[in-house]
N, C-alpha and C. Protein backbone atom coordinates (compact mmCIF):
# COMPACT_ATOMS: atom_id res chain seq x y z
N MET A 1 -1.09 194.60 158.17
CA MET A 1 -1.21 193.72 159.32
C MET A 1 -2.24 192.67 158.93
N SER A 2 -1.77 191.45 158.83
CA SER A 2 -2.55 190.45 158.12
C SER A 2 -3.45 189.57 158.99
N ASN A 3 -2.91 188.58 159.67
CA ASN A 3 -3.70 187.58 160.37
C ASN A 3 -4.51 188.21 161.50
N PRO A 4 -5.86 188.20 161.38
CA PRO A 4 -6.67 188.85 162.41
C PRO A 4 -6.51 188.23 163.80
N LEU A 5 -6.17 186.94 163.86
CA LEU A 5 -5.97 186.30 165.16
C LEU A 5 -4.80 186.94 165.90
N TYR A 6 -3.77 187.29 165.18
CA TYR A 6 -2.56 187.83 165.79
C TYR A 6 -2.55 189.35 165.85
N TYR A 7 -3.68 189.97 165.54
CA TYR A 7 -3.78 191.42 165.40
C TYR A 7 -4.75 191.99 166.43
N HIS A 8 -4.43 193.18 166.93
CA HIS A 8 -5.33 193.87 167.85
C HIS A 8 -5.14 195.37 167.68
N GLU A 9 -6.20 196.12 167.87
CA GLU A 9 -6.05 197.57 167.86
C GLU A 9 -6.85 198.18 169.00
N ILE A 10 -6.34 199.32 169.46
CA ILE A 10 -6.97 200.04 170.56
C ILE A 10 -6.86 201.53 170.27
N GLU A 11 -7.88 202.28 170.65
CA GLU A 11 -7.85 203.74 170.50
C GLU A 11 -7.46 204.38 171.82
N LEU A 12 -6.65 205.42 171.72
CA LEU A 12 -6.21 206.19 172.88
C LEU A 12 -6.33 207.67 172.55
N ARG A 13 -6.57 208.47 173.56
CA ARG A 13 -6.58 209.92 173.39
C ARG A 13 -5.27 210.45 173.95
N VAL A 14 -4.55 211.26 173.16
CA VAL A 14 -3.28 211.83 173.60
C VAL A 14 -3.56 212.82 174.73
N ARG A 15 -2.92 212.58 175.87
CA ARG A 15 -3.09 213.45 177.04
C ARG A 15 -2.06 214.58 177.01
N TYR A 16 -2.41 215.67 177.64
CA TYR A 16 -1.54 216.84 177.68
C TYR A 16 -0.16 216.49 178.25
N ALA A 17 -0.12 215.67 179.29
CA ALA A 17 1.15 215.31 179.94
C ALA A 17 2.08 214.52 179.03
N GLU A 18 1.56 213.99 177.93
CA GLU A 18 2.38 213.20 177.00
C GLU A 18 3.03 214.07 175.92
N THR A 19 2.77 215.38 175.97
CA THR A 19 3.26 216.26 174.91
C THR A 19 4.33 217.23 175.43
N ASP A 20 5.03 217.83 174.46
CA ASP A 20 6.01 218.85 174.80
C ASP A 20 5.36 220.23 174.72
N GLN A 21 6.15 221.28 174.80
CA GLN A 21 5.59 222.64 174.79
C GLN A 21 4.89 223.00 173.48
N MET A 22 5.19 222.26 172.43
CA MET A 22 4.55 222.53 171.13
C MET A 22 3.27 221.73 170.95
N GLY A 23 2.89 220.93 171.98
CA GLY A 23 1.68 220.13 171.87
C GLY A 23 1.87 218.85 171.09
N ILE A 24 3.13 218.48 170.84
CA ILE A 24 3.46 217.26 170.08
C ILE A 24 3.88 216.17 171.07
N VAL A 25 3.45 214.93 170.79
CA VAL A 25 3.79 213.82 171.68
C VAL A 25 5.31 213.68 171.76
N TYR A 26 5.81 213.66 172.99
CA TYR A 26 7.23 213.44 173.26
C TYR A 26 7.62 212.07 172.72
N TYR A 27 8.76 211.98 172.03
CA TYR A 27 9.14 210.77 171.30
C TYR A 27 9.20 209.52 172.17
N GLY A 28 9.59 209.66 173.43
CA GLY A 28 9.71 208.50 174.31
C GLY A 28 8.38 207.88 174.69
N ASN A 29 7.30 208.62 174.52
CA ASN A 29 5.98 208.10 174.89
C ASN A 29 5.45 207.04 173.93
N TYR A 30 6.03 206.96 172.74
CA TYR A 30 5.56 205.94 171.79
C TYR A 30 5.84 204.54 172.32
N ALA A 31 6.92 204.35 173.06
CA ALA A 31 7.20 203.04 173.66
C ALA A 31 6.08 202.66 174.63
N GLN A 32 5.53 203.65 175.33
CA GLN A 32 4.41 203.38 176.23
C GLN A 32 3.14 203.02 175.45
N TYR A 33 2.92 203.67 174.33
CA TYR A 33 1.77 203.32 173.49
C TYR A 33 1.91 201.88 172.99
N PHE A 34 3.14 201.50 172.62
CA PHE A 34 3.38 200.12 172.18
C PHE A 34 3.08 199.14 173.32
N GLU A 35 3.48 199.51 174.53
CA GLU A 35 3.21 198.65 175.68
C GLU A 35 1.71 198.47 175.89
N VAL A 36 0.94 199.54 175.77
CA VAL A 36 -0.51 199.43 175.89
C VAL A 36 -1.03 198.46 174.84
N GLY A 37 -0.52 198.56 173.63
CA GLY A 37 -0.92 197.66 172.55
C GLY A 37 -0.64 196.20 172.88
N ARG A 38 0.56 195.94 173.41
CA ARG A 38 0.94 194.55 173.78
C ARG A 38 0.08 194.00 174.89
N VAL A 39 -0.12 194.82 175.93
CA VAL A 39 -0.90 194.38 177.09
C VAL A 39 -2.33 194.04 176.66
N GLU A 40 -2.91 194.88 175.83
CA GLU A 40 -4.28 194.64 175.36
C GLU A 40 -4.33 193.48 174.38
N TRP A 41 -3.27 193.28 173.60
CA TRP A 41 -3.18 192.12 172.70
C TRP A 41 -3.24 190.84 173.54
N LEU A 42 -2.47 190.77 174.61
CA LEU A 42 -2.50 189.59 175.50
C LEU A 42 -3.87 189.43 176.15
N ARG A 43 -4.44 190.53 176.59
CA ARG A 43 -5.74 190.49 177.26
C ARG A 43 -6.81 189.90 176.33
N LYS A 44 -6.66 190.15 175.03
CA LYS A 44 -7.58 189.58 174.04
C LYS A 44 -7.63 188.06 174.15
N PHE A 45 -6.54 187.44 174.59
CA PHE A 45 -6.47 185.99 174.76
C PHE A 45 -6.77 185.56 176.20
N GLY A 46 -7.22 186.50 177.02
CA GLY A 46 -7.54 186.18 178.40
C GLY A 46 -6.32 186.05 179.29
N ILE A 47 -5.21 186.68 178.88
CA ILE A 47 -3.95 186.60 179.62
C ILE A 47 -3.55 188.01 180.03
N SER A 48 -3.10 188.16 181.27
CA SER A 48 -2.64 189.48 181.70
C SER A 48 -1.16 189.41 182.09
N TYR A 49 -0.48 190.54 181.91
CA TYR A 49 0.91 190.63 182.37
C TYR A 49 0.98 190.30 183.86
N LYS A 50 0.00 190.81 184.59
CA LYS A 50 -0.01 190.61 186.04
C LYS A 50 -0.04 189.12 186.39
N SER A 51 -0.91 188.35 185.73
CA SER A 51 -0.99 186.92 186.03
C SER A 51 0.31 186.21 185.63
N MET A 52 0.92 186.63 184.53
CA MET A 52 2.19 186.02 184.12
C MET A 52 3.26 186.30 185.17
N GLU A 53 3.30 187.54 185.67
CA GLU A 53 4.30 187.89 186.68
C GLU A 53 4.06 187.12 187.97
N GLU A 54 2.79 186.93 188.33
CA GLU A 54 2.47 186.15 189.53
C GLU A 54 2.92 184.70 189.40
N GLU A 55 3.01 184.21 188.16
CA GLU A 55 3.49 182.85 187.90
C GLU A 55 5.01 182.80 187.77
N GLY A 56 5.68 183.94 187.96
CA GLY A 56 7.13 183.97 187.89
C GLY A 56 7.69 184.16 186.50
N LEU A 57 6.90 184.73 185.61
CA LEU A 57 7.32 184.94 184.23
C LEU A 57 7.30 186.43 183.92
N MET A 58 8.41 186.95 183.45
CA MET A 58 8.52 188.35 183.05
C MET A 58 8.76 188.43 181.55
N LEU A 59 8.50 189.59 180.98
CA LEU A 59 8.71 189.82 179.55
C LEU A 59 9.49 191.12 179.34
N PRO A 60 10.79 191.12 179.63
CA PRO A 60 11.55 192.34 179.38
C PRO A 60 11.75 192.59 177.89
N VAL A 61 11.72 193.86 177.52
CA VAL A 61 11.98 194.26 176.14
C VAL A 61 13.48 194.18 175.90
N VAL A 62 13.88 193.49 174.83
CA VAL A 62 15.31 193.40 174.48
C VAL A 62 15.63 194.19 173.21
N SER A 63 14.58 194.60 172.49
CA SER A 63 14.81 195.38 171.28
C SER A 63 13.59 196.26 171.03
N LEU A 64 13.85 197.52 170.66
CA LEU A 64 12.80 198.48 170.33
C LEU A 64 13.27 199.31 169.16
N SER A 65 12.43 199.39 168.14
CA SER A 65 12.73 200.31 167.04
C SER A 65 11.47 201.11 166.73
N VAL A 66 11.67 202.38 166.38
CA VAL A 66 10.56 203.28 166.10
C VAL A 66 10.91 204.11 164.87
N LYS A 67 9.94 204.24 163.97
CA LYS A 67 10.09 205.14 162.82
C LYS A 67 8.98 206.18 162.92
N TYR A 68 9.39 207.43 163.09
CA TYR A 68 8.44 208.53 163.23
C TYR A 68 8.14 209.11 161.86
N LYS A 69 6.87 209.14 161.48
CA LYS A 69 6.47 209.66 160.18
C LYS A 69 5.85 211.05 160.30
N LYS A 70 4.88 211.18 161.22
CA LYS A 70 4.18 212.45 161.47
C LYS A 70 3.94 212.54 162.97
N PRO A 71 3.83 213.74 163.50
CA PRO A 71 3.62 213.86 164.95
C PRO A 71 2.17 213.61 165.36
N ALA A 72 2.02 212.99 166.53
CA ALA A 72 0.72 212.95 167.19
C ALA A 72 0.68 214.20 168.06
N ARG A 73 -0.51 214.75 168.24
CA ARG A 73 -0.65 216.00 168.98
C ARG A 73 -1.65 215.85 170.12
N TYR A 74 -1.55 216.79 171.05
CA TYR A 74 -2.46 216.81 172.18
C TYR A 74 -3.91 216.69 171.73
N ASP A 75 -4.64 215.81 172.38
CA ASP A 75 -6.07 215.56 172.19
C ASP A 75 -6.39 214.78 170.93
N ASP A 76 -5.38 214.36 170.16
CA ASP A 76 -5.64 213.48 169.01
C ASP A 76 -6.17 212.15 169.51
N LEU A 77 -7.06 211.56 168.73
CA LEU A 77 -7.50 210.20 168.97
C LEU A 77 -6.63 209.33 168.07
N ILE A 78 -5.79 208.52 168.70
CA ILE A 78 -4.87 207.68 167.92
C ILE A 78 -5.29 206.22 168.05
N LYS A 79 -4.90 205.44 167.06
CA LYS A 79 -5.18 204.02 167.06
C LYS A 79 -3.83 203.30 167.08
N VAL A 80 -3.65 202.42 168.08
CA VAL A 80 -2.43 201.61 168.17
C VAL A 80 -2.77 200.22 167.66
N LYS A 81 -2.14 199.86 166.55
CA LYS A 81 -2.37 198.56 165.93
C LYS A 81 -1.17 197.67 166.27
N THR A 82 -1.46 196.51 166.85
CA THR A 82 -0.41 195.60 167.32
C THR A 82 -0.56 194.28 166.59
N GLN A 83 0.55 193.79 166.04
CA GLN A 83 0.55 192.55 165.25
C GLN A 83 1.68 191.65 165.72
N LEU A 84 1.34 190.42 166.07
CA LEU A 84 2.37 189.42 166.38
C LEU A 84 3.09 189.08 165.09
N VAL A 85 4.43 189.06 165.11
CA VAL A 85 5.21 188.81 163.90
C VAL A 85 5.21 187.33 163.55
N LYS A 86 5.43 186.46 164.55
CA LYS A 86 5.45 185.00 164.33
C LYS A 86 5.16 184.32 165.66
N LEU A 87 4.86 183.03 165.61
CA LEU A 87 4.61 182.30 166.85
C LEU A 87 5.83 182.42 167.76
N PRO A 88 5.60 182.70 169.04
CA PRO A 88 6.72 182.89 169.96
C PRO A 88 7.42 181.59 170.32
N SER A 89 8.69 181.73 170.69
CA SER A 89 9.48 180.60 171.21
C SER A 89 9.98 181.05 172.58
N ALA A 90 11.26 181.39 172.68
CA ALA A 90 11.77 181.97 173.92
C ALA A 90 11.61 183.49 173.90
N SER A 91 11.23 184.00 172.74
CA SER A 91 10.98 185.44 172.60
C SER A 91 9.67 185.64 171.85
N ILE A 92 9.18 186.86 171.91
CA ILE A 92 7.95 187.22 171.21
C ILE A 92 8.18 188.59 170.57
N GLU A 93 7.74 188.73 169.32
CA GLU A 93 8.02 189.95 168.57
C GLU A 93 6.71 190.54 168.03
N PHE A 94 6.61 191.87 168.15
CA PHE A 94 5.43 192.59 167.70
C PHE A 94 5.81 193.72 166.76
N ASP A 95 4.96 193.96 165.76
CA ASP A 95 5.01 195.16 164.94
C ASP A 95 3.86 196.06 165.37
N TYR A 96 4.08 197.37 165.24
CA TYR A 96 3.08 198.36 165.64
C TYR A 96 2.92 199.39 164.54
N GLU A 97 1.70 199.93 164.47
CA GLU A 97 1.42 201.06 163.60
C GLU A 97 0.48 201.96 164.37
N ILE A 98 0.83 203.23 164.45
CA ILE A 98 -0.03 204.20 165.12
C ILE A 98 -0.54 205.16 164.05
N THR A 99 -1.87 205.31 164.03
CA THR A 99 -2.51 206.21 163.07
C THR A 99 -3.33 207.25 163.82
N ASN A 100 -3.62 208.35 163.13
CA ASN A 100 -4.48 209.38 163.72
C ASN A 100 -5.92 209.15 163.30
N GLN A 101 -6.81 210.05 163.71
CA GLN A 101 -8.23 209.87 163.41
C GLN A 101 -8.54 209.96 161.93
N SER A 102 -7.62 210.48 161.13
CA SER A 102 -7.80 210.53 159.67
C SER A 102 -7.23 209.30 158.99
N GLY A 103 -6.65 208.39 159.78
CA GLY A 103 -6.08 207.18 159.20
C GLY A 103 -4.64 207.34 158.72
N GLU A 104 -4.05 208.52 158.93
CA GLU A 104 -2.66 208.74 158.51
C GLU A 104 -1.72 207.98 159.45
N ILE A 105 -0.71 207.35 158.87
CA ILE A 105 0.28 206.64 159.68
C ILE A 105 1.20 207.67 160.33
N LEU A 106 1.27 207.63 161.65
CA LEU A 106 2.12 208.54 162.40
C LEU A 106 3.46 207.88 162.76
N THR A 107 3.38 206.64 163.17
CA THR A 107 4.56 205.94 163.68
C THR A 107 4.45 204.46 163.38
N LYS A 108 5.60 203.84 163.10
CA LYS A 108 5.69 202.39 162.99
C LYS A 108 6.77 201.94 163.95
N GLY A 109 6.60 200.75 164.49
CA GLY A 109 7.60 200.26 165.44
C GLY A 109 7.63 198.76 165.53
N ASN A 110 8.59 198.28 166.30
CA ASN A 110 8.78 196.85 166.52
C ASN A 110 9.42 196.66 167.89
N THR A 111 8.97 195.64 168.60
CA THR A 111 9.64 195.25 169.84
C THR A 111 9.84 193.76 169.85
N GLU A 112 10.90 193.35 170.52
CA GLU A 112 11.13 191.94 170.81
C GLU A 112 11.28 191.83 172.32
N LEU A 113 10.58 190.87 172.90
CA LEU A 113 10.63 190.62 174.33
C LEU A 113 11.04 189.18 174.56
N VAL A 114 11.66 188.93 175.70
CA VAL A 114 12.11 187.58 176.04
C VAL A 114 11.29 187.08 177.22
N PHE A 115 10.85 185.84 177.15
CA PHE A 115 10.19 185.21 178.29
C PHE A 115 11.28 184.88 179.30
N MET A 116 11.13 185.42 180.52
CA MET A 116 12.17 185.28 181.54
C MET A 116 11.60 184.59 182.77
N ASP A 117 12.24 183.49 183.18
CA ASP A 117 11.89 182.80 184.42
C ASP A 117 12.52 183.59 185.57
N VAL A 118 11.68 184.21 186.38
CA VAL A 118 12.16 185.08 187.45
C VAL A 118 12.96 184.30 188.50
N ASN A 119 12.52 183.10 188.83
CA ASN A 119 13.19 182.31 189.86
C ASN A 119 14.58 181.89 189.45
N ARG A 120 14.76 181.56 188.18
CA ARG A 120 16.07 181.13 187.68
C ARG A 120 16.87 182.28 187.08
N ASN A 121 16.19 183.42 186.85
CA ASN A 121 16.80 184.57 186.20
C ASN A 121 17.42 184.19 184.85
N ARG A 122 16.65 183.40 184.12
CA ARG A 122 17.10 182.91 182.81
C ARG A 122 15.94 182.94 181.82
N PRO A 123 16.26 183.09 180.54
CA PRO A 123 15.21 182.98 179.52
C PRO A 123 14.57 181.59 179.56
N THR A 124 13.31 181.57 179.17
CA THR A 124 12.58 180.30 179.12
C THR A 124 11.68 180.31 177.90
N ARG A 125 11.03 179.21 177.62
CA ARG A 125 10.14 179.12 176.47
C ARG A 125 8.80 179.81 176.74
N CYS A 126 8.14 180.15 175.69
CA CYS A 126 6.79 180.71 175.77
C CYS A 126 5.89 179.72 176.50
N PRO A 127 5.05 180.19 177.41
CA PRO A 127 4.17 179.27 178.12
C PRO A 127 3.22 178.54 177.17
N LYS A 128 3.00 177.28 177.47
CA LYS A 128 2.15 176.42 176.64
C LYS A 128 0.75 177.01 176.49
N TYR A 129 0.21 177.59 177.56
CA TYR A 129 -1.16 178.11 177.49
C TYR A 129 -1.28 179.23 176.45
N LEU A 130 -0.24 180.02 176.26
CA LEU A 130 -0.28 181.06 175.24
C LEU A 130 -0.18 180.45 173.85
N LEU A 131 0.74 179.52 173.67
CA LEU A 131 0.87 178.85 172.37
C LEU A 131 -0.43 178.15 171.99
N ASP A 132 -1.05 177.48 172.95
CA ASP A 132 -2.31 176.79 172.68
C ASP A 132 -3.38 177.78 172.19
N LYS A 133 -3.46 178.94 172.81
CA LYS A 133 -4.45 179.95 172.40
C LYS A 133 -4.14 180.49 171.01
N LEU A 134 -2.87 180.64 170.69
CA LEU A 134 -2.48 181.16 169.38
C LEU A 134 -2.73 180.15 168.28
N ARG A 135 -2.64 178.88 168.60
CA ARG A 135 -2.82 177.83 167.58
C ARG A 135 -4.28 177.48 167.34
N ASN A 136 -5.19 177.90 168.21
CA ASN A 136 -6.63 177.59 168.05
C ASN A 136 -7.32 178.60 167.19
């Protein structure tokens, strides 16, 4: 994960409710970890999903891929690393890497989201204020 401007990481503790009977994180929860990474990545630029939604802009996920390497387990301290793939246009794409407290890669993933104008129910371009922050 290269450009520090486009990169963010956050630590999370795996909660019991996120695991199965074997104490391993249920596979569907990784999408939620990716979401936490994206939300915090935006917050780094002073932008919140909530404020975007209040302005009539949504970001639905149109593509999700996950590669599971090793399991995360109950009470593990994991690090979600989020990287913007390229400057957004009508869509925005992120790569993710989740590691454990030993630095082992547990999961890699990618999402693509589309900027959606709620009032028109149509895709739209990335807001200028986000592009301006990414270019500075």
